[in-house]
C-alpha atoms as a PDB file:
ATOM      1  CA  MET A   1     301.987 123.577 227.487  1.00  0.00           C
ATOM      2  CA  LEU A   2     302.694 123.798 223.765  1.00  0.00           C
ATOM      3  CA  PHE A   3     303.113 120.029 223.579  1.00  0.00           C
ATOM      4  CA  GLN A   4     299.629 119.367 224.959  1.00  0.00           C
ATOM      5  CA  LEU A   5     298.188 121.942 222.586  1.00  0.00           C
ATOM      6  CA  LYS A   6     299.821 120.152 219.668  1.00  0.00           C
ATOM      7  CA  ASN A   7     298.408 116.810 220.845  1.00  0.00           C
ATOM      8  CA  PHE A   8     294.877 118.209 221.149  1.00  0.00           C
ATOM      9  CA  ILE A   9     295.021 119.771 217.676  1.00  0.00           C
ATOM     10  CA  ASN A  10     296.494 116.630 216.071  1.00  0.00           C
ATOM     11  CA  GLU A  11     293.823 114.460 217.646  1.00  0.00           C
ATOM     12  CA  ALA A  12     291.129 116.771 216.369  1.00  0.00           C
ATOM     13  CA  GLU A  13     292.592 116.668 212.861  1.00  0.00           C
ATOM     14  CA  ASP A  14     292.886 112.875 212.866  1.00  0.00           C
ATOM     15  CA  HIS A  15     289.330 112.194 213.974  1.00  0.00           C
ATOM     16  CA  ILE A  16     287.326 115.060 212.486  1.00  0.00           C
ATOM     17  CA  SER A  17     285.978 112.901 209.658  1.00  0.00           C
ATOM     18  CA  ASP A  18     284.871 110.225 212.117  1.00  0.00           C
ATOM     19  CA  LYS A  19     283.330 112.407 214.759  1.00  0.00           C
ATOM     20  CA  GLY A  20     282.057 115.209 212.548  1.00  0.00           C
ATOM     21  CA  LYS A  21     283.266 117.966 214.842  1.00  0.00           C
ATOM     22  CA  ALA A  22     286.239 120.194 215.527  1.00  0.00           C
ATOM     23  CA  ILE A  23     287.553 121.590 218.801  1.00  0.00           C
ATOM     24  CA  CYS A  24     287.162 125.312 219.414  1.00  0.00           C
ATOM     25  CA  ILE A  25     290.443 127.192 219.865  1.00  0.00           C
ATOM     26  CA  SER A  26     289.072 128.867 222.992  1.00  0.00           C
ATOM     27  CA  ASN A  27     288.696 125.469 224.662  1.00  0.00           C
ATOM     28  CA  LEU A  28     292.197 124.487 223.635  1.00  0.00           C
ATOM     29  CA  THR A  29     293.567 127.773 224.945  1.00  0.00           C
ATOM     30  CA  ALA A  30     291.778 127.312 228.268  1.00  0.00           C
ATOM     31  CA  GLU A  31     293.290 123.850 228.682  1.00  0.00           C
ATOM     32  CA  ASN A  32     296.698 125.216 227.791  1.00  0.00           C
ATOM     33  CA  LEU A  33     296.475 128.059 230.314  1.00  0.00           C
ATOM     34  CA  ILE A  34     295.479 125.670 233.093  1.00  0.00           C
ATOM     35  CA  LEU A  35     298.611 123.641 232.429  1.00  0.00           C
ATOM     36  CA  LEU A  36     300.810 126.736 232.270  1.00  0.00           C
ATOM     37  CA  ASN A  37     299.422 128.195 235.488  1.00  0.00           C
ATOM     38  CA  SER A  38     299.731 124.919 237.399  1.00  0.00           C
ATOM     39  CA  ARG A  39     303.542 125.351 237.284  1.00  0.00           C
ATOM     40  CA  LYS A  40     303.927 121.583 237.360  1.00  0.00           C
ATOM     41  CA  ARG A  41     306.472 119.686 235.339  1.00  0.00           C
ATOM     42  CA  ASP A  42     304.983 118.430 232.092  1.00  0.00           C
ATOM     43  CA  GLU A  43     303.961 114.832 232.852  1.00  0.00           C
ATOM     44  CA  ASN A  44     304.203 114.041 229.143  1.00  0.00           C
ATOM     45  CA  LEU A  45     307.974 114.598 229.221  1.00  0.00           C
ATOM     46  CA  ILE A  46     310.339 111.831 230.325  1.00  0.00           C
ATOM     47  CA  GLU A  47     314.009 112.552 230.944  1.00  0.00           C
ATOM     48  CA  THR A  48     316.434 110.274 229.094  1.00  0.00           C
ATOM     49  CA  GLY A  49     319.192 110.430 231.707  1.00  0.00           C
ATOM     50  CA  PHE A  50     321.525 111.947 229.102  1.00  0.00           C
ATOM     51  CA  ASN A  51     321.897 115.452 230.487  1.00  0.00           C
ATOM     52  CA  GLU A  52     322.960 117.306 227.352  1.00  0.00           C
ATOM     53  CA  TYR A  53     320.141 115.709 225.366  1.00  0.00           C
ATOM     54  CA  ASP A  54     317.514 116.556 228.001  1.00  0.00           C
ATOM     55  CA  ASN A  55     318.742 120.144 228.294  1.00  0.00           C
ATOM     56  CA  LEU A  56     318.652 120.777 224.553  1.00  0.00           C
ATOM     57  CA  PHE A  57     315.662 118.688 223.470  1.00  0.00           C
ATOM     58  CA  GLY A  58     313.607 118.336 226.661  1.00  0.00           C
ATOM     59  CA  GLY A  59     313.660 114.531 226.895  1.00  0.00           C
ATOM     60  CA  LEU A  60     311.085 112.124 225.445  1.00  0.00           C
ATOM     61  CA  LEU A  61     307.564 113.326 224.739  1.00  0.00           C
ATOM     62  CA  LEU A  62     304.583 111.006 225.099  1.00  0.00           C
ATOM     63  CA  GLY A  63     302.508 110.810 221.938  1.00  0.00           C
ATOM     64  CA  GLU A  64     305.519 111.017 219.640  1.00  0.00           C
ATOM     65  CA  LEU A  65     307.171 108.645 217.174  1.00  0.00           C
ATOM     66  CA  VAL A  66     310.975 108.892 217.383  1.00  0.00           C
ATOM     67  CA  VAL A  67     313.156 107.338 214.676  1.00  0.00           C
ATOM     68  CA  VAL A  68     316.777 106.507 215.544  1.00  0.00           C
ATOM     69  CA  GLY A  69     318.747 106.040 212.343  1.00  0.00           C
ATOM     70  CA  GLY A  70     322.239 104.744 211.755  1.00  0.00           C
ATOM     71  CA  ARG A  71     324.403 102.528 209.615  1.00  0.00           C
ATOM     72  CA  PRO A  72     325.139  98.953 210.824  1.00  0.00           C
ATOM     73  CA  SER A  73     327.375  98.805 213.929  1.00  0.00           C
ATOM     74  CA  MET A  74     326.903 102.521 214.585  1.00  0.00           C
ATOM     75  CA  GLY A  75     325.359 101.894 218.027  1.00  0.00           C
ATOM     76  CA  LYS A  76     321.569 101.857 217.603  1.00  0.00           C
ATOM     77  CA  THR A  77     320.933  98.937 219.969  1.00  0.00           C
ATOM     78  CA  GLN A  78     323.548 100.282 222.372  1.00  0.00           C
ATOM     79  CA  LEU A  79     321.667 103.574 222.599  1.00  0.00           C
ATOM     80  CA  LEU A  80     318.288 101.861 223.026  1.00  0.00           C
ATOM     81  CA  VAL A  81     319.608  99.579 225.796  1.00  0.00           C
ATOM     82  CA  ASN A  82     321.124 102.467 227.755  1.00  0.00           C
ATOM     83  CA  LEU A  83     318.067 104.649 227.225  1.00  0.00           C
ATOM     84  CA  THR A  84     315.850 101.808 228.480  1.00  0.00           C
ATOM     85  CA  LEU A  85     317.993 101.367 231.594  1.00  0.00           C
ATOM     86  CA  ASN A  86     317.991 105.102 232.292  1.00  0.00           C
ATOM     87  CA  VAL A  87     314.217 105.573 232.178  1.00  0.00           C
ATOM     88  CA  SER A  88     312.882 102.209 233.364  1.00  0.00           C
ATOM     89  CA  ILE A  89     313.355 102.778 237.091  1.00  0.00           C
ATOM     90  CA  LYS A  90     310.378 105.129 237.010  1.00  0.00           C
ATOM     91  CA  THR A  91     308.817 104.468 233.607  1.00  0.00           C
ATOM     92  CA  PRO A  92     307.708 101.036 232.278  1.00  0.00           C
ATOM     93  CA  VAL A  93     309.301 100.171 228.922  1.00  0.00           C
ATOM     94  CA  LEU A  94     308.180  97.586 226.348  1.00  0.00           C
ATOM     95  CA  TYR A  95     311.102  96.469 224.171  1.00  0.00           C
ATOM     96  CA  PHE A  96     310.417  94.666 220.862  1.00  0.00           C
ATOM     97  CA  THR A  97     313.591  92.932 219.646  1.00  0.00           C
ATOM     98  CA  PHE A  98     313.344  91.888 216.010  1.00  0.00           C
ATOM     99  CA  ASP A  99     317.131  91.566 215.700  1.00  0.00           C
ATOM    100  CA  LEU A 100     318.697  89.998 218.811  1.00  0.00           C
ATOM    101  CA  SER A 101     317.400  87.051 220.795  1.00  0.00           C
ATOM    102  CA  THR A 102     316.184  87.771 224.316  1.00  0.00           C
ATOM    103  CA  SER A 103     319.291  86.002 225.654  1.00  0.00           C
ATOM    104  CA  VAL A 104     321.726  88.162 223.693  1.00  0.00           C
ATOM    105  CA  LEU A 105     319.757  91.325 224.440  1.00  0.00           C
ATOM    106  CA  THR A 106     319.779  90.489 228.160  1.00  0.00           C
ATOM    107  CA  ASN A 107     323.556  90.213 227.999  1.00  0.00           C
ATOM    108  CA  CYS A 108     323.634  93.670 226.424  1.00  0.00           C
ATOM    109  CA  PHE A 109     321.757  95.015 229.450  1.00  0.00           C
ATOM    110  CA  ILE A 110     324.140  93.200 231.798  1.00  0.00           C
ATOM    111  CA  SER A 111     327.132  94.572 229.892  1.00  0.00           C
ATOM    112  CA  ALA A 112     325.789  98.138 230.114  1.00  0.00           C
ATOM    113  CA  ILE A 113     325.423  97.814 233.887  1.00  0.00           C
ATOM    114  CA  THR A 114     328.673  95.969 234.638  1.00  0.00           C
ATOM    115  CA  ASN A 115     330.933  97.442 231.928  1.00  0.00           C
ATOM    116  CA  ILE A 116     332.030  93.879 231.071  1.00  0.00           C
ATOM    117  CA  ASP A 117     332.582  93.033 227.401  1.00  0.00           C
ATOM    118  CA  VAL A 118     329.460  91.482 225.810  1.00  0.00           C
ATOM    119  CA  SER A 119     331.547  88.769 224.122  1.00  0.00           C
ATOM    120  CA  MET A 120     332.837  87.659 227.513  1.00  0.00           C
ATOM    121  CA  LEU A 121     329.278  87.336 228.793  1.00  0.00           C
ATOM    122  CA  LEU A 122     328.269  85.312 225.744  1.00  0.00           C
ATOM    123  CA  HIS A 123     331.312  83.031 226.105  1.00  0.00           C
ATOM    124  CA  PRO A 124     332.032  83.240 229.841  1.00  0.00           C
ATOM    125  CA  ASP A 125     335.676  83.493 230.729  1.00  0.00           C
ATOM    126  CA  LEU A 126     335.291  85.801 233.687  1.00  0.00           C
ATOM    127  CA  THR A 127     337.562  86.472 236.604  1.00  0.00           C
ATOM    128  CA  VAL A 128     336.331  85.756 240.130  1.00  0.00           C
ATOM    129  CA  GLU A 129     335.719  89.462 240.670  1.00  0.00           C
ATOM    130  CA  GLU A 130     333.790  89.800 237.397  1.00  0.00           C
ATOM    131  CA  LYS A 131     331.610  86.830 238.346  1.00  0.00           C
ATOM    132  CA  LYS A 132     330.784  88.533 241.646  1.00  0.00           C
ATOM    133  CA  ILE A 133     329.804  91.667 239.769  1.00  0.00           C
ATOM    134  CA  VAL A 134     327.579  89.757 237.308  1.00  0.00           C
ATOM    135  CA  ASN A 135     325.867  87.900 240.162  1.00  0.00           C
ATOM    136  CA  ARG A 136     324.725  91.229 241.580  1.00  0.00           C
ATOM    137  CA  VAL A 137     322.971  92.275 238.364  1.00  0.00           C
ATOM    138  CA  GLY A 138     319.750  90.414 239.129  1.00  0.00           C
ATOM    139  CA  GLY A 139     319.069  92.566 242.162  1.00  0.00           C
ATOM    140  CA  THR A 140     319.800  95.718 240.193  1.00  0.00           C
ATOM    141  CA  LEU A 141     317.489  94.814 237.303  1.00  0.00           C
ATOM    142  CA  ASN A 142     314.685  93.924 239.728  1.00  0.00           C
ATOM    143  CA  SER A 143     314.190  97.658 240.222  1.00  0.00           C
ATOM    144  CA  HIS A 144     313.675  98.262 236.495  1.00  0.00           C
ATOM    145  CA  LYS A 145     310.346  98.014 234.682  1.00  0.00           C
ATOM    146  CA  ILE A 146     311.521  96.410 231.418  1.00  0.00           C
ATOM    147  CA  PHE A 147     309.390  93.988 229.407  1.00  0.00           C
ATOM    148  CA  ILE A 148     310.933  92.301 226.356  1.00  0.00           C
ATOM    149  CA  ASN A 149     309.155  90.700 223.411  1.00  0.00           C
ATOM    150  CA  GLU A 150     311.215  88.634 220.974  1.00  0.00           C
ATOM    151  CA  SER A 151     309.033  89.425 218.007  1.00  0.00           C
ATOM    152  CA  GLN A 152     308.147  87.097 215.186  1.00  0.00           C
ATOM    153  CA  ASN A 153     305.632  87.808 212.438  1.00  0.00           C
ATOM    154  CA  HIS A 154     302.880  90.164 213.525  1.00  0.00           C
ATOM    155  CA  SER A 155     299.992  91.639 211.609  1.00  0.00           C
ATOM    156  CA  LEU A 156     299.635  95.340 212.327  1.00  0.00           C
ATOM    157  CA  SER A 157     296.385  94.657 214.164  1.00  0.00           C
ATOM    158  CA  ASP A 158     298.139  92.032 216.336  1.00  0.00           C
ATOM    159  CA  LEU A 159     300.983  94.441 217.081  1.00  0.00           C
ATOM    160  CA  ARG A 160     298.544  97.149 218.089  1.00  0.00           C
ATOM    161  CA  LEU A 161     296.521  94.780 220.266  1.00  0.00           C
ATOM    162  CA  PHE A 162     299.646  93.486 222.017  1.00  0.00           C
ATOM    163  CA  CYS A 163     300.804  97.041 222.730  1.00  0.00           C
ATOM    164  CA  GLU A 164     297.357  98.001 224.014  1.00  0.00           C
ATOM    165  CA  ASN A 165     297.286  95.016 226.376  1.00  0.00           C
ATOM    166  CA  GLN A 166     300.744  95.800 227.732  1.00  0.00           C
ATOM    167  CA  ILE A 167     299.856  99.476 228.179  1.00  0.00           C
ATOM    168  CA  ASN A 168     296.713  98.555 230.115  1.00  0.00           C
ATOM    169  CA  GLU A 169     298.290  95.768 232.194  1.00  0.00           C
ATOM    170  CA  ARG A 170     301.726  97.228 232.902  1.00  0.00           C
ATOM    171  CA  GLY A 171     301.356 100.955 232.416  1.00  0.00           C
ATOM    172  CA  ILE A 172     303.822 101.030 229.527  1.00  0.00           C
ATOM    173  CA  LYS A 173     304.848 104.570 228.594  1.00  0.00           C
ATOM    174  CA  ILE A 174     307.734 103.899 226.204  1.00  0.00           C
ATOM    175  CA  ILE A 175     307.779 101.330 223.395  1.00  0.00           C
ATOM    176  CA  ILE A 176     311.096 100.418 221.768  1.00  0.00           C
ATOM    177  CA  VAL A 177     311.182  98.715 218.348  1.00  0.00           C
ATOM    178  CA  ASP A 178     314.571  97.347 217.266  1.00  0.00           C
ATOM    179  CA  TYR A 179     314.499  97.575 214.304  1.00  0.00           C
ATOM    180  CA  LEU A 180     312.132  98.809 211.567  1.00  0.00           C
ATOM    181  CA  GLN A 181     313.478  96.945 208.507  1.00  0.00           C
ATOM    182  CA  LEU A 182     313.149  93.575 210.292  1.00  0.00           C
ATOM    183  CA  MET A 183     309.456  94.014 211.037  1.00  0.00           C
ATOM    184  CA  THR A 184     307.302  91.627 209.021  1.00  0.00           C
ATOM    185  CA  SER A 185     303.579  91.233 208.437  1.00  0.00           C
ATOM    186  CA  ASN A 186     301.058  89.905 205.955  1.00  0.00           C
ATOM    187  CA  GLU A 187     300.375  93.369 204.579  1.00  0.00           C
ATOM    188  CA  SER A 188     301.638  94.707 201.223  1.00  0.00           C
ATOM    189  CA  SER A 189     304.596  92.866 199.703  1.00  0.00           C
ATOM    190  CA  ILE A 190     305.921  96.095 198.141  1.00  0.00           C
ATOM    191  CA  ARG A 191     308.837  97.124 200.353  1.00  0.00           C
ATOM    192  CA  HIS A 192     308.314 100.885 200.625  1.00  0.00           C
ATOM    193  CA  LEU A 193     304.566 100.470 201.146  1.00  0.00           C
ATOM    194  CA  LYS A 194     305.135  97.900 203.880  1.00  0.00           C
ATOM    195  CA  ILE A 195     307.625 100.134 205.703  1.00  0.00           C
ATOM    196  CA  GLY A 196     305.192 103.025 205.351  1.00  0.00           C
ATOM    197  CA  SER A 197     302.392 100.974 206.901  1.00  0.00           C
ATOM    198  CA  PHE A 198     304.650 100.139 209.875  1.00  0.00           C
ATOM    199  CA  THR A 199     305.644 103.739 210.582  1.00  0.00           C
ATOM    200  CA  ASN A 200     302.047 104.919 210.175  1.00  0.00           C
ATOM    201  CA  GLU A 201     300.792 102.321 212.666  1.00  0.00           C
ATOM    202  CA  LEU A 202     303.593 103.045 215.134  1.00  0.00           C
ATOM    203  CA  ARG A 203     302.739 106.747 214.968  1.00  0.00           C
ATOM    204  CA  ARG A 204     299.063 105.971 215.606  1.00  0.00           C
ATOM    205  CA  ILE A 205     299.954 103.750 218.567  1.00  0.00           C
ATOM    206  CA  ALA A 206     301.995 106.628 220.004  1.00  0.00           C
ATOM    207  CA  LYS A 207     299.156 109.116 219.580  1.00  0.00           C
ATOM    208  CA  ASP A 208     296.175 106.929 220.434  1.00  0.00           C
ATOM    209  CA  PHE A 209     297.690 105.540 223.657  1.00  0.00           C
ATOM    210  CA  ASN A 210     299.813 108.590 224.567  1.00  0.00           C
ATOM    211  CA  VAL A 211     303.085 106.678 224.680  1.00  0.00           C
ATOM    212  CA  CYS A 212     306.481 107.432 223.180  1.00  0.00           C
ATOM    213  CA  VAL A 213     307.404 104.961 220.433  1.00  0.00           C
ATOM    214  CA  ILE A 214     311.099 104.773 219.540  1.00  0.00           C
ATOM    215  CA  VAL A 215     312.048 102.754 216.469  1.00  0.00           C
ATOM    216  CA  SER A 216     315.551 102.175 215.116  1.00  0.00           C
ATOM    217  CA  SER A 217     316.092 102.234 211.373  1.00  0.00           C
ATOM    218  CA  GLN A 218     318.889 101.345 208.989  1.00  0.00           C
ATOM    219  CA  LEU A 219     320.299 104.015 206.704  1.00  0.00           C
ATOM    220  CA  SER A 220     321.091 103.499 203.034  1.00  0.00           C
ATOM    221  CA  ARG A 221     324.583 102.875 201.669  1.00  0.00           C
ATOM    222  CA  SER A 222     324.654 106.369 200.202  1.00  0.00           C
ATOM    223  CA  VAL A 223     326.236 107.459 203.496  1.00  0.00           C
ATOM    224  CA  GLU A 224     329.264 105.292 202.778  1.00  0.00           C
ATOM    225  CA  ILE A 225     329.881 106.500 199.238  1.00  0.00           C
ATOM    226  CA  ARG A 226     329.367 110.174 200.015  1.00  0.00           C
ATOM    227  CA  GLY A 227     332.448 112.316 200.514  1.00  0.00           C
ATOM    228  CA  GLY A 228     333.217 114.554 203.455  1.00  0.00           C
ATOM    229  CA  ASP A 229     332.597 113.613 207.087  1.00  0.00           C
ATOM    230  CA  LYS A 230     329.721 111.233 206.168  1.00  0.00           C
ATOM    231  CA  ARG A 231     327.277 112.659 208.672  1.00  0.00           C
ATOM    232  CA  PRO A 232     323.801 111.226 207.903  1.00  0.00           C
ATOM    233  CA  GLN A 233     320.995 113.318 206.444  1.00  0.00           C
ATOM    234  CA  LEU A 234     317.256 112.781 206.064  1.00  0.00           C
ATOM    235  CA  SER A 235     317.575 111.545 202.492  1.00  0.00           C
ATOM    236  CA  ASP A 236     319.599 108.579 203.835  1.00  0.00           C
ATOM    237  CA  LEU A 237     316.566 106.999 205.547  1.00  0.00           C
ATOM    238  CA  LYS A 238     316.193 103.591 203.940  1.00  0.00           C
ATOM    239  CA  ASP A 239     313.236 102.087 202.029  1.00  0.00           C
ATOM    240  CA  SER A 240     310.501 104.704 202.414  1.00  0.00           C
ATOM    241  CA  GLY A 241     309.884 108.448 202.522  1.00  0.00           C
ATOM    242  CA  ALA A 242     307.127 107.657 205.006  1.00  0.00           C
ATOM    243  CA  ILE A 243     309.765 107.241 207.737  1.00  0.00           C
ATOM    244  CA  GLU A 244     310.644 110.938 207.644  1.00  0.00           C
ATOM    245  CA  GLN A 245     307.025 111.939 207.081  1.00  0.00           C
ATOM    246  CA  ASP A 246     305.578 109.985 210.014  1.00  0.00           C
ATOM    247  CA  ALA A 247     308.352 110.662 212.538  1.00  0.00           C
ATOM    248  CA  ASP A 248     308.016 113.488 215.042  1.00  0.00           C
ATOM    249  CA  LYS A 249     311.751 113.264 215.709  1.00  0.00           C
ATOM    250  CA  VAL A 250     314.558 111.795 213.617  1.00  0.00           C
ATOM    251  CA  ILE A 251     317.840 111.213 215.447  1.00  0.00           C
ATOM    252  CA  PHE A 252     320.920 110.051 213.573  1.00  0.00           C
ATOM    253  CA  LEU A 253     323.845 108.258 215.204  1.00  0.00           C
ATOM    254  CA  TYR A 254     327.320 109.175 214.036  1.00  0.00           C
ATOM    255  CA  ARG A 255     330.735 107.952 215.188  1.00  0.00           C
ATOM    256  CA  PRO A 256     333.598 109.751 213.411  1.00  0.00           C
ATOM    257  CA  GLU A 257     336.108 107.049 214.359  1.00  0.00           C
ATOM    258  CA  TYR A 258     333.966 104.499 212.457  1.00  0.00           C
ATOM    259  CA  TYR A 259     335.130 106.331 209.324  1.00  0.00           C
ATOM    260  CA  ARG A 260     338.685 106.671 210.695  1.00  0.00           C
ATOM    261  CA  ILE A 261     338.150 110.354 211.425  1.00  0.00           C
ATOM    262  CA  MET A 262     340.138 110.529 214.659  1.00  0.00           C
ATOM    263  CA  ILE A 263     340.251 114.329 215.012  1.00  0.00           C
ATOM    264  CA  ASN A 264     337.139 116.449 214.514  1.00  0.00           C
ATOM    265  CA  GLU A 265     336.869 119.898 212.933  1.00  0.00           C
ATOM    266  CA  ASP A 266     337.662 121.496 216.311  1.00  0.00           C
ATOM    267  CA  GLY A 267     340.850 119.477 216.697  1.00  0.00           C
ATOM    268  CA  MET A 268     339.369 117.224 219.405  1.00  0.00           C
ATOM    269  CA  ASP A 269     339.985 113.475 219.738  1.00  0.00           C
ATOM    270  CA  THR A 270     336.919 111.526 218.529  1.00  0.00           C
ATOM    271  CA  THR A 271     337.788 108.201 220.211  1.00  0.00           C
ATOM    272  CA  GLY A 272     334.715 106.745 221.934  1.00  0.00           C
ATOM    273  CA  ILE A 273     332.431 109.607 220.874  1.00  0.00           C
ATOM    274  CA  LEU A 274     328.854 108.950 219.738  1.00  0.00           C
ATOM    275  CA  GLU A 275     327.009 111.941 218.306  1.00  0.00           C
ATOM    276  CA  LEU A 276     323.216 112.167 218.428  1.00  0.00           C
ATOM    277  CA  ILE A 277     322.134 114.407 215.560  1.00  0.00           C
ATOM    278  CA  MET A 278     318.568 115.746 215.838  1.00  0.00           C
ATOM    279  CA  ALA A 279     317.734 116.090 212.133  1.00  0.00           C
ATOM    280  CA  LYS A 280     313.964 116.549 212.514  1.00  0.00           C
ATOM    281  CA  ASN A 281     311.999 117.793 215.517  1.00  0.00           C
ATOM    282  CA  ARG A 282     308.381 118.877 215.164  1.00  0.00           C
ATOM    283  CA  ASN A 283     308.292 120.306 218.671  1.00  0.00           C
ATOM    284  CA  GLY A 284     311.701 121.732 219.427  1.00  0.00           C
ATOM    285  CA  ASN A 285     315.333 122.305 218.627  1.00  0.00           C
ATOM    286  CA  LEU A 286     317.629 120.779 216.070  1.00  0.00           C
ATOM    287  CA  GLY A 287     321.254 120.169 216.953  1.00  0.00           C
ATOM    288  CA  THR A 288     323.870 117.653 218.050  1.00  0.00           C
ATOM    289  CA  VAL A 289     324.829 116.252 221.446  1.00  0.00           C
ATOM    290  CA  LYS A 290     327.682 113.916 222.347  1.00  0.00           C
ATOM    291  CA  LEU A 291     327.806 110.769 224.450  1.00  0.00           C
ATOM    292  CA  LYS A 292     330.796 108.747 225.590  1.00  0.00           C
ATOM    293  CA  ARG A 293     330.846 105.164 224.374  1.00  0.00           C
ATOM    294  CA  ASN A 294     332.557 101.974 225.529  1.00  0.00           C
ATOM    295  CA  SER A 295     333.424 100.094 222.335  1.00  0.00           C
ATOM    296  CA  ASN A 296     333.448  96.651 224.001  1.00  0.00           C
ATOM    297  CA  ALA A 297     330.740  96.852 226.640  1.00  0.00           C
ATOM    298  CA  THR A 298     327.328  98.323 225.887  1.00  0.00           C
ATOM    299  CA  ARG A 299     327.696 101.313 228.176  1.00  0.00           C
ATOM    300  CA  LEU A 300     326.953 104.909 227.168  1.00  0.00           C
ATOM    301  CA  LYS A 301     327.397 107.849 229.495  1.00  0.00           C
ATOM    302  CA  ASN A 302     327.178 111.619 229.485  1.00  0.00           C
ATOM    303  CA  TYR A 303     330.058 113.200 227.601  1.00  0.00           C
ATOM    304  CA  GLY A 304     331.699 114.607 230.726  1.00  0.00           C
ATOM    305  CA  ASP A 305     331.370 111.468 232.884  1.00  0.00           C
ATOM    306  CA  ASN A 306     334.045 108.902 233.707  1.00  0.00           C
ATOM    307  CA  LEU A 307     333.247 105.878 231.549  1.00  0.00           C
ATOM    308  CA  SER A 308     335.411 103.315 233.315  1.00  0.00           C
ATOM    309  CA  ASN A 309     334.148 103.695 236.880  1.00  0.00           C
ATOM    310  CA  PHE A 310     331.786 100.896 237.906  1.00  0.00           C
ATOM    311  CA  ASP A 311     328.889 101.617 240.229  1.00  0.00           C
ATOM    312  CA  PHE A 312     325.707  99.564 240.513  1.00  0.00           C
ATOM    313  CA  ASN A 313     323.914 102.640 241.836  1.00  0.00           C
ATOM    314  CA  ILE A 314     324.376 104.434 238.505  1.00  0.00           C
ATOM    315  CA  TRP A 315     321.025 103.034 237.376  1.00  0.00           C
ATOM    316  CA  ARG A 316     319.352 103.970 240.680  1.00  0.00           C
ATOM    317  CA  GLN A 317     320.280 107.644 240.563  1.00  0.00           C
ATOM    318  CA  ASN A 318     316.711 108.772 239.794  1.00  0.00           C
ATOM    319  CA  GLU A 319     314.998 106.221 242.007  1.00  0.00           C
ATOM    320  CA  ASN A 320     314.140 108.737 244.710  1.00  0.00           C
END
């Protein structure tokens, strides 16, 4: 398919100086036609479990770097936790947490599954029924392939080596980095150069090992001082132009109610709505999809789903 063709061409461009050769277009076309005629689902595409997103954007593509941008408290970690839960039944996920401790992050996963407020899990004051629900989480998470690293200082070479080992040992296909501005290393002390070196290395990890790397990123304060509806734009990416340059996809998170916009331009109630704005997409559509958000628990669901209903099997829906 077109995605494989893009990967072949990009790899040829990246390594032409090293290998001293280019790939003939006829060979690339032959490979592409074999894939098209096989009529098989593209194995490089992974569904997110968010139906509107998958229908419009096709899911997650192996070999890509995806940047998820948003202002503080906009829901970046919430999205990454729910995305991880959705895909990890079938697809192994490596989650680097530079922000939250493993304990707090684990409670975010539990909250997403149980729909119980994260603060209640951190400071337990649960009812008997809620305790029964929480006690069942261990069995549910046993079916998920999630591996968490509470990251400290890494050189870029150490980060790459760790990812390579996890990919080889555990078959990792998706790498989550939460979040970009908290990554540290011994490389350049100049902020924008350091951020640029991170995004460049993350992009190379995605391409070289054919995995999807998803990294969250803070946005600048210019969003807050801008008039209008305050929807983010590419110029709001913080610290380095390399973020936009290196990313294959840039997805912005936007909650109108965060800015006290309770009715949207279509006259619809914005309570509990999280918009995913595809602002850059090398391989597909631009546009916006909506998710439904629980403001207390970590749960996100498809826009048309009932958010309050609790069902442990929600995370097993793609198991078969």
